[in-house]
């Protein structure tokens, strides 16, 4: 564990910008996990930096790692939530998977960002936790998101009709009915959608005793310089951790 913590604290670390708000004393910790066994997003370092800055501003500490040995009962017991930041492929072995299952069942939180749905296809617990699996995507382009549940903290600050540029995922199954859909894509506003007329793109649910949140947004580096997306991500983390 000591080796993991050393690596975690050194990875992607960046202090909040000078002249910004004073750091808030952390009241809980999260783990940001960004291991990839498939495609690797070049936005991962920007995502880690932004989540660290969110933690400084909103009162949580952040360990970032790609070491799957962090997935033990002892290590996960120090966190309120785990963020799968653009993970891909098979990133945990069976013992590590079992540790994450126990963490969720103890009330832990999960946040999946973008290609978290392109991860662990052969692990049914994970598939139900993240809500859906990736099927494909068209080219990066502008599209319009329609907010469906503006009462949820992670969607409350977003424009009700939100036009932005990203890589828009199609999913193997529609998660509606198993999750609380917060926002959908309007497939009339871009090319390459395959789920019309109902294309969920952001959702949350309680699962096996824990809180789980997924946002398909965040492919591009530019996403992590976009104030509405950053606020959306910060609120999702606080919600998953049970802090709001």
Protein backbone atom coordinates (compact mmCIF):
# COMPACT_ATOMS: atom_id res chain seq x y z
CA UNK A 1 0.00 0.00 0.00
CA UNK A 2 2.81 2.41 0.79
CA UNK A 3 4.23 2.04 -2.71
CA UNK A 4 0.83 2.62 -4.22
CA UNK A 5 0.28 5.78 -2.18
CA UNK A 6 3.64 7.16 -3.23
CA UNK A 7 2.83 6.58 -6.89
CA UNK A 8 -0.66 7.93 -6.48
CA UNK A 9 0.37 11.16 -4.88
CA UNK A 10 2.96 11.83 -7.55
CA UNK A 11 0.83 11.15 -10.59
CA UNK A 12 -0.77 14.05 -12.37
CA UNK A 13 -0.37 16.32 -9.37
CA UNK A 14 -0.86 20.01 -9.91
CA UNK A 15 -1.64 22.73 -7.42
CA UNK A 16 -4.74 24.85 -7.93
CA UNK A 17 -4.13 28.03 -9.90
CA UNK A 18 -2.63 30.86 -7.90
CA UNK A 19 -5.01 33.65 -7.14
CA UNK A 20 -7.98 31.26 -6.99
CA UNK A 21 -10.11 30.33 -4.01
CA UNK A 22 -8.32 29.15 -0.91
CA UNK A 23 -8.22 25.34 -0.58
CA UNK A 24 -11.00 23.78 1.47
CA UNK A 25 -10.00 21.34 4.20
CA UNK A 26 -10.73 17.83 2.84
CA UNK A 27 -13.49 15.90 4.57
CA UNK A 28 -13.14 12.70 2.52
CA UNK A 29 -10.87 11.07 -0.08
CA UNK A 30 -11.46 9.62 -3.54
CA UNK A 31 -9.44 7.38 -5.84
CA UNK A 32 -9.10 8.34 -9.50
CA UNK A 33 -8.28 5.21 -11.51
CA UNK A 34 -7.22 5.61 -15.14
CA UNK A 35 -5.63 2.31 -16.13
CA UNK A 36 -6.09 1.41 -19.79
CA UNK A 37 -5.80 -1.97 -21.50
CA UNK A 38 -7.17 -0.67 -24.80
CA UNK A 39 -7.43 2.78 -26.35
CA UNK A 40 -5.78 5.48 -24.24
CA UNK A 41 -7.28 8.96 -24.13
CA UNK A 42 -4.86 11.86 -24.21
CA UNK A 43 -7.29 13.78 -21.99
CA UNK A 44 -6.52 11.62 -18.93
CA UNK A 45 -3.77 13.90 -17.50
CA UNK A 46 -6.04 16.95 -17.89
CA UNK A 47 -8.83 15.04 -16.16
CA UNK A 48 -6.62 14.15 -13.20
CA UNK A 49 -5.46 17.75 -12.86
CA UNK A 50 -9.02 19.07 -12.94
CA UNK A 51 -10.28 16.53 -10.39
CA UNK A 52 -7.42 17.50 -8.06
CA UNK A 53 -8.42 21.16 -8.43
CA UNK A 54 -12.06 20.27 -7.78
CA UNK A 55 -11.02 18.44 -4.64
CA UNK A 56 -9.04 21.42 -3.39
CA UNK A 57 -12.00 23.72 -3.98
CA UNK A 58 -14.78 21.41 -2.77
CA UNK A 59 -13.28 19.58 0.16
CA UNK A 60 -12.02 16.17 -0.92
CA UNK A 61 -8.53 14.77 -1.35
CA UNK A 62 -7.51 12.87 -4.48
CA UNK A 63 -5.25 9.89 -5.03
CA UNK A 64 -4.69 9.10 -8.71
CA UNK A 65 -3.28 5.77 -9.81
CA UNK A 66 -3.13 3.22 -12.60
CA UNK A 67 -1.99 0.51 -10.18
CA UNK A 68 -4.78 -2.05 -9.84
CA UNK A 69 -3.21 -3.19 -6.56
CA UNK A 70 -5.09 -0.25 -5.04
CA UNK A 71 -8.19 -2.46 -5.22
CA UNK A 72 -8.01 -4.16 -1.84
CA UNK A 73 -10.40 -3.89 1.09
CA UNK A 74 -7.75 -2.01 3.08
CA UNK A 75 -6.98 0.57 0.41
CA UNK A 76 -10.56 1.10 -0.80
CA UNK A 77 -11.66 1.48 2.80
CA UNK A 78 -9.95 4.89 2.88
CA UNK A 79 -12.13 6.29 0.07
CA UNK A 80 -15.72 7.48 -0.25
CA UNK A 81 -15.77 7.10 -4.04
CA UNK A 82 -13.78 5.69 -6.95
CA UNK A 83 -13.63 7.49 -10.31
CA UNK A 84 -12.95 5.37 -13.40
CA UNK A 85 -11.48 8.09 -15.63
CA UNK A 86 -11.52 6.90 -19.26
CA UNK A 87 -10.47 3.38 -18.35
CA UNK A 88 -10.52 0.82 -21.17
CA UNK A 89 -10.40 -2.95 -21.41
CA UNK A 90 -9.79 -5.51 -18.68
CA UNK A 91 -8.13 -3.51 -15.90
CA UNK A 92 -8.80 -5.57 -12.74
CA UNK A 93 -8.16 -9.22 -11.89
CA UNK A 94 -10.83 -11.32 -10.11
CA UNK A 95 -9.57 -10.53 -6.58
CA UNK A 96 -9.50 -6.81 -7.37
CA UNK A 97 -12.98 -7.00 -8.88
CA UNK A 98 -14.27 -8.67 -5.71
CA UNK A 99 -12.75 -5.87 -3.61
CA UNK A 100 -14.57 -3.24 -5.66
CA UNK A 101 -17.82 -5.18 -5.33
CA UNK A 102 -17.42 -5.21 -1.53
CA UNK A 103 -16.61 -1.49 -1.58
CA UNK A 104 -19.85 -0.72 -3.43
CA UNK A 105 -21.87 -2.99 -1.13
CA UNK A 106 -20.45 -1.12 1.88
CA UNK A 107 -21.94 2.07 0.46
CA UNK A 108 -19.01 3.31 -1.65
CA UNK A 109 -19.51 5.58 -4.63
CA UNK A 110 -18.58 5.09 -8.28
CA UNK A 111 -18.17 7.67 -11.04
CA UNK A 112 -17.54 6.50 -14.59
CA UNK A 113 -16.22 9.04 -17.08
CA UNK A 114 -16.44 8.56 -20.86
CA UNK A 115 -14.77 5.22 -21.74
CA UNK A 116 -15.57 3.70 -18.35
CA UNK A 117 -18.28 2.00 -20.44
CA UNK A 118 -15.53 0.56 -22.68
CA UNK A 119 -14.19 -1.39 -19.71
CA UNK A 120 -14.61 -4.87 -18.14
CA UNK A 121 -17.03 -6.37 -20.66
CA UNK A 122 -16.89 -9.81 -19.01
CA UNK A 123 -17.75 -8.66 -15.47
CA UNK A 124 -21.55 -8.56 -15.00
CA UNK A 125 -21.41 -6.64 -11.71
CA UNK A 126 -19.45 -3.87 -13.40
CA UNK A 127 -21.76 -3.79 -16.39
CA UNK A 128 -24.73 -3.24 -14.09
CA UNK A 129 -22.80 -0.70 -12.01
CA UNK A 130 -21.73 1.48 -14.95
CA UNK A 131 -25.13 1.01 -16.57
CA UNK A 132 -24.33 0.20 -20.22
CA UNK A 133 -21.48 -0.88 -22.47
CA UNK A 134 -19.95 1.09 -25.33
CA UNK A 135 -20.92 0.13 -28.88
CA UNK A 136 -19.18 2.73 -31.05
CA UNK A 137 -19.04 6.42 -31.93
CA UNK A 138 -19.00 8.76 -34.92
CA UNK A 139 -16.43 11.49 -35.47
CA UNK A 140 -16.02 14.22 -32.84
CA UNK A 141 -18.61 16.92 -33.53
CA UNK A 142 -21.06 19.33 -31.96
CA UNK A 143 -24.35 17.95 -30.63
CA UNK A 144 -27.10 19.08 -28.29
CA UNK A 145 -27.73 17.48 -24.92
CA UNK A 146 -31.20 17.76 -23.39
CA UNK A 147 -31.24 17.77 -19.58
CA UNK A 148 -34.00 15.47 -18.35
CA UNK A 149 -33.55 15.55 -14.57
CA UNK A 150 -32.50 19.06 -13.57
CA UNK A 151 -33.16 18.22 -9.92
CA UNK A 152 -30.12 15.95 -9.73
CA UNK A 153 -27.10 17.80 -8.31
CA UNK A 154 -24.84 16.76 -11.21
CA UNK A 155 -27.24 18.25 -13.76
CA UNK A 156 -28.73 21.16 -11.83
CA UNK A 157 -26.22 23.76 -13.03
CA UNK A 158 -26.24 22.73 -16.69
CA UNK A 159 -28.07 24.50 -19.52
CA UNK A 160 -31.35 22.70 -20.18
CA UNK A 161 -30.38 22.50 -23.85
CA UNK A 162 -26.61 22.22 -23.95
CA UNK A 163 -24.71 22.36 -27.25
CA UNK A 164 -21.10 21.25 -27.05
CA UNK A 165 -18.39 19.33 -28.93
CA UNK A 166 -17.31 15.85 -27.88
CA UNK A 167 -17.11 12.23 -28.99
CA UNK A 168 -20.63 10.90 -28.70
CA UNK A 169 -20.99 7.28 -27.60
CA UNK A 170 -23.60 4.83 -28.79
CA UNK A 171 -24.30 2.02 -26.32
CA UNK A 172 -25.01 -1.69 -26.68
CA UNK A 173 -28.16 -1.33 -24.60
CA UNK A 174 -30.37 1.51 -23.43
CA UNK A 175 -29.99 1.78 -19.65
CA UNK A 176 -33.34 3.49 -19.10
CA UNK A 177 -35.44 1.54 -16.64
CA UNK A 178 -32.38 0.42 -14.70
CA UNK A 179 -30.95 3.88 -14.00
CA UNK A 180 -32.12 7.45 -13.50
CA UNK A 181 -31.45 9.14 -16.84
CA UNK A 182 -30.27 12.71 -16.31
CA UNK A 183 -29.67 13.74 -19.91
CA UNK A 184 -30.13 12.52 -23.47
CA UNK A 185 -28.54 13.31 -26.82
CA UNK A 186 -30.68 14.85 -29.54
CA UNK A 187 -29.61 12.73 -32.50
CA UNK A 188 -31.18 15.26 -34.86
CA UNK A 189 -28.31 17.64 -34.03
CA UNK A 190 -25.40 15.46 -35.17
CA UNK A 191 -24.50 12.57 -37.46
CA UNK A 192 -23.87 8.99 -36.38
CA UNK A 193 -26.26 8.35 -33.51
CA UNK A 194 -27.85 4.89 -33.42
CA UNK A 195 -30.22 5.05 -30.44
CA UNK A 196 -32.97 7.50 -31.48
CA UNK A 197 -35.45 8.46 -30.26
CA UNK A 198 -34.00 7.82 -26.77
CA UNK A 199 -30.25 8.22 -26.33
CA UNK A 200 -29.24 8.52 -22.65
CA UNK A 201 -25.80 10.10 -22.20
CA UNK A 202 -25.64 10.76 -18.45
CA UNK A 203 -27.25 8.79 -15.62
CA UNK A 204 -27.16 7.79 -11.95
CA UNK A 205 -28.54 5.05 -9.75
CA UNK A 206 -28.12 3.28 -6.46
CA UNK A 207 -26.73 -0.19 -6.92
CA UNK A 208 -26.03 -2.95 -4.38
CA UNK A 209 -25.88 -0.39 -1.58
CA UNK A 210 -23.67 2.18 -3.32
CA UNK A 211 -24.17 5.23 -5.52
CA UNK A 212 -23.14 5.05 -9.17
CA UNK A 213 -22.90 7.85 -11.72
CA UNK A 214 -21.88 7.82 -15.38
CA UNK A 215 -21.21 10.59 -17.85
CA UNK A 216 -20.25 9.82 -21.45
CA UNK A 217 -18.75 13.28 -21.80
CA UNK A 218 -15.03 13.98 -21.52
CA UNK A 219 -13.23 12.51 -24.54
CA UNK A 220 -11.43 15.71 -25.47
CA UNK A 221 -8.78 17.65 -23.60
CA UNK A 222 -10.94 20.73 -24.20
CA UNK A 223 -13.70 19.19 -22.07
CA UNK A 224 -11.51 19.68 -19.02
CA UNK A 225 -11.23 23.40 -19.72
CA UNK A 226 -15.02 23.78 -20.06
CA UNK A 227 -16.64 25.27 -16.96
CA UNK A 228 -20.07 23.57 -17.24
CA UNK A 229 -18.47 20.15 -17.73
CA UNK A 230 -16.02 20.68 -14.85
CA UNK A 231 -18.83 21.71 -12.51
CA UNK A 232 -20.91 18.73 -13.68
CA UNK A 233 -18.01 16.37 -12.89
CA UNK A 234 -17.38 17.91 -9.48
CA UNK A 235 -21.03 17.62 -8.51
CA UNK A 236 -21.13 14.01 -9.74
CA UNK A 237 -18.19 13.13 -7.48
CA UNK A 238 -19.80 14.83 -4.46
CA UNK A 239 -23.08 13.01 -5.15
CA UNK A 240 -21.42 9.60 -5.52
CA UNK A 241 -19.51 10.18 -2.28
CA UNK A 242 -22.75 11.04 -0.47
CA UNK A 243 -21.57 14.59 0.20
CA UNK A 244 -24.55 16.29 -1.53
